[in-house]
Amino acid sequence: MKLFVGLGNPGAKYARNRHNIGFMALDRIASDHGFSPWRAKFQGEVAEGRLGTAKVVLLKPTTFMNNSGQSVGEALRFWKLGAEDLTVFHDELDLAPGKVRVKRGGGHAGHNGLRSIHAHVSPDYARVRLGIGHPGHKDRVSGYVLSDFAKAEEGWLDDVMRGVSDGAVELAAGDDGRFLNAVALRVAPPRSGTGKKAGEGDPTPSPAPPIQPDPPSGPFAKLADRFRRG
């Protein structure tokens, strides 16, 4: 069993905020894959279903971002799951809009939702980093993440949500590479030699180049890397 958590703030006021892209991702997965209706539980909203052969629970904490770990910790304890069963979808300032990466373990990089999960669970969980770009100066970050996506951003945002949903089965199976390729096929579809998008006059388009997930972090990863280098 897997727990997928989307980070965001509850309420209509925040629904389209950049900070709520994690909620948006889970809503899309739930809708596309026939999950149960959302219900209140664990200081959040949960929906249950299957992705491939894996039973998956989706959780959107309603504690507000800074206390997300309370909800996540409660859910993990109830189902007797560990950090290795947890995947968190969150907004990422350090990635350009439309970019998606997977990271397992490591720091929270100042993200308050991740900081709370670190405190209540551990750092040893998977994250789906959903790029929203950076406003250019740290003093503008708070206003930026709590503002709505612009109309001009709706195209790439919809592509990312479709791609995340397309690859959700692979993500639940632990295949980060196939998950990221599914996203890439939506965000940057393969092109033919004429410069057209796949499906526009070329019956055999080239496959999208594989995207590698971020390397694992932590002391064990560093030790393994030292042995590889000799």
Protein backbone atom coordinates (compact mmCIF):
# COMPACT_ATOMS: atom_id res chain seq x y z
CA MET A 1 0.00 0.00 0.00
CA LYS A 2 1.21 3.51 -0.84
CA LEU A 3 0.33 6.94 0.53
CA PHE A 4 0.40 9.80 -1.99
CA VAL A 5 0.25 13.23 -0.33
CA GLY A 6 -0.41 16.51 -2.10
CA LEU A 7 0.61 19.73 -0.36
CA GLY A 8 -1.46 22.88 -0.36
CA ASN A 9 -3.77 25.08 1.69
CA PRO A 10 -7.49 24.30 2.18
CA GLY A 11 -10.33 26.47 0.95
CA ALA A 12 -11.50 28.14 -2.24
CA LYS A 13 -9.30 31.18 -1.58
CA TYR A 14 -6.17 29.11 -2.18
CA ALA A 15 -7.45 26.56 -4.70
CA ARG A 16 -5.59 27.95 -7.76
CA ASN A 17 -2.49 29.15 -5.91
CA ARG A 18 0.92 27.99 -7.12
CA HIS A 19 1.45 26.60 -3.61
CA ASN A 20 -1.49 24.25 -4.22
CA ILE A 21 -0.14 22.41 -7.24
CA GLY A 22 0.24 19.30 -5.06
CA PHE A 23 -3.51 19.31 -4.34
CA MET A 24 -4.17 19.77 -8.08
CA ALA A 25 -2.04 16.74 -8.96
CA LEU A 26 -3.93 14.47 -6.55
CA ASP A 27 -7.30 15.76 -7.76
CA ARG A 28 -6.32 14.83 -11.32
CA ILE A 29 -5.12 11.35 -10.32
CA ALA A 30 -8.30 10.70 -8.32
CA SER A 31 -10.51 11.82 -11.21
CA ASP A 32 -8.70 9.95 -13.98
CA HIS A 33 -8.21 6.67 -12.09
CA GLY A 34 -11.64 6.25 -10.53
CA PHE A 35 -10.74 6.77 -6.87
CA SER A 36 -13.40 6.91 -4.17
CA PRO A 37 -15.02 10.25 -3.27
CA TRP A 38 -12.95 12.47 -0.97
CA ARG A 39 -13.79 12.18 2.73
CA ALA A 40 -12.53 13.89 5.87
CA LYS A 41 -9.92 11.90 7.81
CA PHE A 42 -6.49 12.38 9.44
CA GLN A 43 -6.88 16.19 9.56
CA GLY A 44 -7.24 16.11 5.80
CA GLU A 45 -9.19 14.66 2.89
CA VAL A 46 -8.56 11.13 1.64
CA ALA A 47 -9.56 9.13 -1.43
CA GLU A 48 -8.77 5.44 -1.96
CA GLY A 49 -8.19 3.42 -5.10
CA ARG A 50 -5.72 1.38 -7.12
CA LEU A 51 -2.92 2.32 -9.47
CA GLY A 52 -2.03 -0.82 -11.36
CA THR A 53 -1.58 -3.55 -8.76
CA ALA A 54 -0.91 -1.13 -5.90
CA LYS A 55 -3.52 0.02 -3.42
CA VAL A 56 -3.03 3.76 -2.99
CA VAL A 57 -4.47 6.30 -0.58
CA LEU A 58 -4.43 9.96 -1.64
CA LEU A 59 -4.22 12.52 1.17
CA LYS A 60 -4.64 16.30 1.05
CA PRO A 61 -3.84 17.72 4.52
CA THR A 62 -6.23 20.47 5.60
CA THR A 63 -4.01 21.69 8.43
CA PHE A 64 -2.55 24.48 6.23
CA MET A 65 0.88 24.03 4.72
CA ASN A 66 3.03 24.63 7.80
CA ASN A 67 1.43 21.76 9.76
CA SER A 68 1.12 19.20 6.95
CA GLY A 69 3.25 16.70 8.87
CA GLN A 70 0.58 16.28 11.56
CA SER A 71 -1.86 14.89 9.01
CA VAL A 72 0.74 12.78 7.19
CA GLY A 73 2.11 11.26 10.40
CA GLU A 74 -1.37 10.35 11.60
CA ALA A 75 -2.21 8.58 8.32
CA LEU A 76 1.07 6.64 8.24
CA ARG A 77 0.58 5.43 11.81
CA PHE A 78 -3.02 4.36 11.16
CA TRP A 79 -2.05 2.19 8.19
CA LYS A 80 1.25 1.09 9.77
CA LEU A 81 3.23 2.47 6.84
CA GLY A 82 6.79 3.79 6.80
CA ALA A 83 8.47 6.73 5.09
CA GLU A 84 9.42 4.38 2.24
CA ASP A 85 5.68 4.07 1.40
CA LEU A 86 5.18 7.84 1.20
CA THR A 87 5.33 10.08 -1.88
CA VAL A 88 4.73 13.83 -1.53
CA PHE A 89 3.72 16.11 -4.44
CA HIS A 90 4.76 19.72 -3.90
CA ASP A 91 5.56 23.01 -5.62
CA GLU A 92 9.24 23.59 -6.40
CA LEU A 93 10.68 27.10 -6.79
CA ASP A 94 14.04 25.79 -8.02
CA LEU A 95 12.54 24.17 -11.14
CA ALA A 96 11.23 26.07 -14.15
CA PRO A 97 7.47 25.97 -14.77
CA GLY A 98 6.52 22.66 -16.38
CA LYS A 99 9.59 20.79 -15.14
CA VAL A 100 9.00 17.72 -12.94
CA ARG A 101 11.57 15.72 -11.01
CA VAL A 102 11.49 12.88 -8.48
CA LYS A 103 13.70 12.93 -5.42
CA ARG A 104 14.05 10.38 -2.64
CA GLY A 105 15.31 11.60 0.71
CA GLY A 106 17.33 14.76 1.36
CA GLY A 107 16.56 18.19 2.80
CA HIS A 108 13.43 20.31 2.65
CA ALA A 109 15.10 23.35 0.99
CA GLY A 110 13.05 25.73 3.13
CA HIS A 111 9.67 24.40 1.98
CA ASN A 112 7.43 24.67 5.05
CA GLY A 113 5.25 21.71 4.13
CA LEU A 114 8.26 19.43 3.72
CA ARG A 115 9.83 20.87 6.87
CA SER A 116 6.75 19.78 8.83
CA ILE A 117 6.80 16.28 7.31
CA HIS A 118 10.50 15.98 8.16
CA ALA A 119 9.65 16.81 11.78
CA HIS A 120 6.70 14.40 12.09
CA VAL A 121 7.93 11.53 9.91
CA SER A 122 11.55 11.60 8.65
CA PRO A 123 13.39 12.89 5.56
CA ASP A 124 13.39 9.44 3.94
CA TYR A 125 10.36 9.71 1.65
CA ALA A 126 9.89 10.33 -2.07
CA ARG A 127 8.96 13.75 -3.45
CA VAL A 128 7.51 14.70 -6.82
CA ARG A 129 8.90 18.19 -7.37
CA LEU A 130 6.51 20.21 -9.55
CA GLY A 131 8.31 23.24 -10.95
CA ILE A 132 6.61 26.63 -10.64
CA GLY A 133 9.65 28.86 -11.22
CA HIS A 134 11.10 31.56 -8.96
CA PRO A 135 9.92 35.20 -8.75
CA GLY A 136 13.54 36.37 -8.82
CA HIS A 137 14.02 37.60 -5.26
CA LYS A 138 13.47 35.88 -1.92
CA ASP A 139 11.37 38.78 -0.61
CA ARG A 140 8.80 38.07 -3.32
CA VAL A 141 8.51 34.33 -2.71
CA SER A 142 5.62 34.39 -0.23
CA GLY A 143 3.39 36.54 -2.42
CA TYR A 144 4.35 34.55 -5.50
CA VAL A 145 3.49 31.07 -4.18
CA LEU A 146 0.24 32.36 -2.67
CA SER A 147 -0.89 33.93 -5.94
CA ASP A 148 -2.94 32.14 -8.60
CA PHE A 149 -1.49 30.68 -11.76
CA ALA A 150 -1.81 33.18 -14.60
CA LYS A 151 -4.05 32.50 -17.59
CA ALA A 152 -0.95 32.17 -19.77
CA GLU A 153 0.28 29.29 -17.56
CA GLU A 154 -2.82 27.13 -17.93
CA GLY A 155 -1.44 25.29 -20.98
CA TRP A 156 1.71 23.91 -19.42
CA LEU A 157 -0.08 23.34 -16.09
CA ASP A 158 -2.69 21.15 -17.75
CA ASP A 159 0.05 19.24 -19.60
CA VAL A 160 1.86 18.56 -16.32
CA MET A 161 -1.32 17.40 -14.57
CA ARG A 162 -2.13 15.05 -17.47
CA GLY A 163 1.41 13.70 -17.48
CA VAL A 164 1.45 13.12 -13.71
CA SER A 165 -1.82 11.21 -14.00
CA ASP A 166 -0.57 9.23 -17.03
CA GLY A 167 2.50 8.09 -15.09
CA ALA A 168 0.83 7.53 -11.71
CA VAL A 169 0.77 3.74 -12.12
CA GLU A 170 4.53 3.65 -12.76
CA LEU A 171 5.17 5.98 -9.82
CA ALA A 172 3.18 3.71 -7.49
CA ALA A 173 5.27 0.77 -8.75
CA GLY A 174 8.48 2.65 -7.91
CA ASP A 175 9.54 3.20 -11.52
CA ASP A 176 10.56 6.87 -11.41
CA GLY A 177 12.03 6.83 -14.91
CA ARG A 178 8.83 5.63 -16.60
CA PHE A 179 6.81 8.11 -14.56
CA LEU A 180 8.98 11.01 -15.71
CA ASN A 181 8.83 9.82 -19.31
CA ALA A 182 5.03 9.87 -19.13
CA VAL A 183 5.21 13.49 -17.97
CA ALA A 184 7.68 14.34 -20.74
CA LEU A 185 5.36 12.91 -23.40
CA ARG A 186 2.73 15.45 -22.34
CA VAL A 187 4.95 18.46 -21.63
CA ALA A 188 7.47 18.02 -24.48
CA PRO A 189 6.00 15.51 -26.94
CA PRO A 190 8.35 13.95 -29.50
CA ARG A 191 8.77 15.76 -32.79
CA SER A 192 9.39 14.50 -36.31
CA GLY A 193 12.16 15.65 -38.63
CA THR A 194 9.82 18.32 -40.01
CA GLY A 195 9.44 19.97 -36.64
CA LYS A 196 5.85 18.85 -36.16
CA LYS A 197 4.46 17.44 -32.95
CA ALA A 198 4.03 13.69 -32.72
CA GLY A 199 0.98 12.56 -34.66
CA GLU A 200 1.05 15.49 -37.13
CA GLY A 201 1.97 13.76 -40.39
CA ASP A 202 4.67 11.40 -39.11
CA PRO A 203 3.50 7.84 -38.45
CA THR A 204 6.75 6.85 -36.66
CA PRO A 205 7.80 9.71 -34.36
CA SER A 206 10.94 9.34 -32.27
CA PRO A 207 10.36 8.46 -28.62
CA ALA A 208 10.85 11.16 -26.00
CA PRO A 209 14.34 11.03 -24.47
CA PRO A 210 14.38 9.33 -21.07
CA ILE A 211 14.50 11.60 -18.03
CA GLN A 212 16.54 10.45 -15.09
CA PRO A 213 15.19 10.98 -11.56
CA ASP A 214 17.23 12.96 -9.07
CA PRO A 215 19.86 10.80 -7.35
CA PRO A 216 19.01 9.60 -3.82
CA SER A 217 20.32 11.68 -0.94
CA GLY A 218 21.56 10.83 2.52
CA PRO A 219 24.52 9.14 4.20
CA PHE A 220 23.99 5.72 2.58
CA ALA A 221 23.92 7.23 -0.90
CA LYS A 222 27.13 9.15 -0.17
CA LEU A 223 28.84 5.98 1.11
CA ALA A 224 27.80 4.02 -1.99
CA ASP A 225 29.09 6.80 -4.21
CA ARG A 226 32.47 6.71 -2.43
CA PHE A 227 32.80 2.96 -3.14
CA ARG A 228 31.86 3.48 -6.81
CA ARG A 229 34.58 6.08 -7.20
CA GLY A 230 37.14 3.83 -5.52
